[in-house]
Amino acid sequence: MGGAVKRQVAIVNPKSRIKEKLKPVALDLSELKVGVNRETEKDLDALKDILYQKLGRAASLSDVVAWMAKECRKKFDFTQSKIISSGNRQPKPGRHSIPISVRKIVYRRDQGQCTHRDDDRHLHKGPCQ
């Protein structure tokens, strides 16, 4: 059944719409089933092209989903942030480490953006310098 026909069936029969699920199919592989709108379809096609250029080979939807997940985690997950993870580095003499719990709260508060205080001690968000 073609995509256009399936769309018409979904309009008439809403129960035919996709139920989201993540089902393990192998030890290190799961099947992801989700519904996406047309704009997201276009975004996925564009990302397949971008990833093709990056990899130098055809990219599957599985490749695109894995790449999107990794890139989004790098950008938005504070546990993956370079700012949060100071590793085993010791603070400079006369300074102390900021506890991870405090760093997480500040990261969430500032939505991952750099902040600074002006002369009147008001907080301002903006690009990191």
Protein backbone atom coordinates (compact mmCIF):
# COMPACT_ATOMS: atom_id res chain seq x y z
CA MET A 1 0.00 0.00 0.00
CA GLY A 2 1.46 3.39 -1.00
CA GLY A 3 2.13 6.26 1.41
CA ALA A 4 -0.75 8.38 0.12
CA VAL A 5 -3.24 5.53 0.49
CA LYS A 6 -2.03 4.77 4.02
CA ARG A 7 -2.48 8.46 4.93
CA GLN A 8 -6.09 8.36 3.70
CA VAL A 9 -6.76 5.17 5.71
CA ALA A 10 -5.34 6.84 8.85
CA ILE A 11 -7.70 9.80 8.39
CA VAL A 12 -10.73 7.51 8.11
CA ASN A 13 -9.57 5.00 10.73
CA PRO A 14 -7.60 6.72 13.53
CA LYS A 15 -7.01 3.33 15.21
CA SER A 16 -4.71 2.45 12.33
CA ARG A 17 -2.24 5.07 13.54
CA ILE A 18 1.12 3.86 14.77
CA LYS A 19 1.56 2.99 18.43
CA GLU A 20 5.02 4.01 19.59
CA LYS A 21 7.25 1.22 20.85
CA LEU A 22 10.83 0.19 21.37
CA LYS A 23 11.18 -3.58 21.06
CA PRO A 24 14.43 -5.50 21.58
CA VAL A 25 15.15 -7.75 18.57
CA ALA A 26 18.73 -8.78 19.38
CA LEU A 27 21.23 -8.44 22.20
CA ASP A 28 22.42 -5.02 21.00
CA LEU A 29 19.59 -4.01 18.65
CA SER A 30 16.05 -2.73 19.15
CA GLU A 31 13.26 -1.86 16.75
CA LEU A 32 11.88 1.67 17.10
CA LYS A 33 8.38 2.36 15.87
CA VAL A 34 7.10 5.96 15.91
CA GLY A 35 4.81 8.15 13.91
CA VAL A 36 6.25 11.32 12.38
CA ASN A 37 4.61 14.22 10.58
CA ARG A 38 5.54 15.30 7.05
CA GLU A 39 7.86 18.04 8.24
CA THR A 40 9.80 15.50 10.30
CA GLU A 41 9.94 13.19 7.26
CA LYS A 42 11.55 16.01 5.27
CA ASP A 43 13.97 16.69 8.15
CA LEU A 44 14.92 13.00 8.28
CA ASP A 45 15.54 12.94 4.51
CA ALA A 46 17.71 16.06 4.79
CA LEU A 47 19.64 14.52 7.68
CA LYS A 48 20.17 11.33 5.65
CA ASP A 49 21.79 13.49 2.95
CA ILE A 50 23.92 15.35 5.49
CA LEU A 51 25.04 12.10 7.12
CA TYR A 52 25.77 10.61 3.68
CA GLN A 53 28.18 13.49 3.04
CA LYS A 54 29.72 13.06 6.49
CA LEU A 55 30.14 9.26 6.24
CA GLY A 56 30.89 8.99 2.53
CA ARG A 57 28.31 6.20 2.21
CA ALA A 58 24.54 5.85 2.15
CA ALA A 59 22.97 6.49 5.56
CA SER A 60 20.01 4.46 6.81
CA LEU A 61 17.27 5.80 9.06
CA SER A 62 18.90 3.78 11.82
CA ASP A 63 22.16 5.65 11.20
CA VAL A 64 20.31 8.98 11.29
CA VAL A 65 18.48 8.19 14.56
CA ALA A 66 21.72 7.07 16.23
CA TRP A 67 23.54 10.19 15.00
CA MET A 68 20.70 12.52 16.10
CA ALA A 69 20.59 10.92 19.54
CA LYS A 70 24.34 11.25 20.02
CA GLU A 71 24.49 14.86 18.79
CA CYS A 72 21.50 15.93 20.92
CA ARG A 73 23.01 14.32 24.02
CA LYS A 74 26.29 16.14 23.37
CA LYS A 75 24.47 19.43 23.03
CA PHE A 76 21.73 19.20 25.67
CA ASP A 77 22.57 16.51 28.25
CA PHE A 78 24.37 18.15 31.17
CA THR A 79 25.89 14.80 32.18
CA GLN A 80 27.69 14.79 28.81
CA SER A 81 28.74 18.43 29.02
CA LYS A 82 32.40 19.40 29.03
CA ILE A 83 31.50 22.15 31.50
CA ILE A 84 30.14 19.64 34.01
CA SER A 85 32.73 16.90 33.67
CA SER A 86 35.97 18.21 35.06
CA GLY A 87 37.50 14.74 35.12
CA ASN A 88 40.32 14.20 37.58
CA ARG A 89 41.69 17.71 37.29
CA GLN A 90 42.52 19.38 40.56
CA PRO A 91 41.44 22.98 41.12
CA LYS A 92 44.11 25.67 41.10
CA PRO A 93 45.74 26.37 44.47
CA GLY A 94 43.47 28.46 46.70
CA ARG A 95 40.31 27.31 44.81
CA HIS A 96 37.92 24.48 45.51
CA SER A 97 35.82 22.25 43.25
CA ILE A 98 32.16 23.10 42.80
CA PRO A 99 30.10 20.04 43.75
CA ILE A 100 28.44 18.23 40.82
CA SER A 101 25.01 18.71 42.42
CA VAL A 102 25.49 22.49 42.33
CA ARG A 103 26.82 22.41 38.76
CA LYS A 104 23.73 20.44 37.63
CA ILE A 105 21.35 22.96 39.26
CA VAL A 106 23.16 25.92 37.70
CA TYR A 107 23.27 24.20 34.29
CA ARG A 108 19.51 23.62 34.38
CA ARG A 109 18.84 27.16 35.65
CA ASP A 110 20.93 28.72 32.89
CA GLN A 111 19.64 26.29 30.24
CA GLY A 112 23.19 25.42 29.23
CA GLN A 113 24.07 29.01 28.34
CA CYS A 114 26.90 31.09 29.73
CA THR A 115 25.90 33.73 32.27
CA HIS A 116 27.65 36.72 33.78
CA ARG A 117 26.82 39.39 36.31
CA ASP A 118 26.97 43.08 35.47
CA ASP A 119 28.21 45.77 37.86
CA ASP A 120 24.82 45.81 39.60
CA ARG A 121 25.05 42.01 40.17
CA HIS A 122 22.23 41.23 37.70
CA LEU A 123 22.51 37.89 35.82
CA HIS A 124 22.65 37.99 32.00
CA LYS A 125 22.62 35.02 29.64
CA GLY A 126 24.51 35.10 26.41
CA PRO A 127 27.06 33.38 24.21
CA CYS A 128 30.18 32.06 25.88
CA GLN A 129 33.34 34.01 25.28
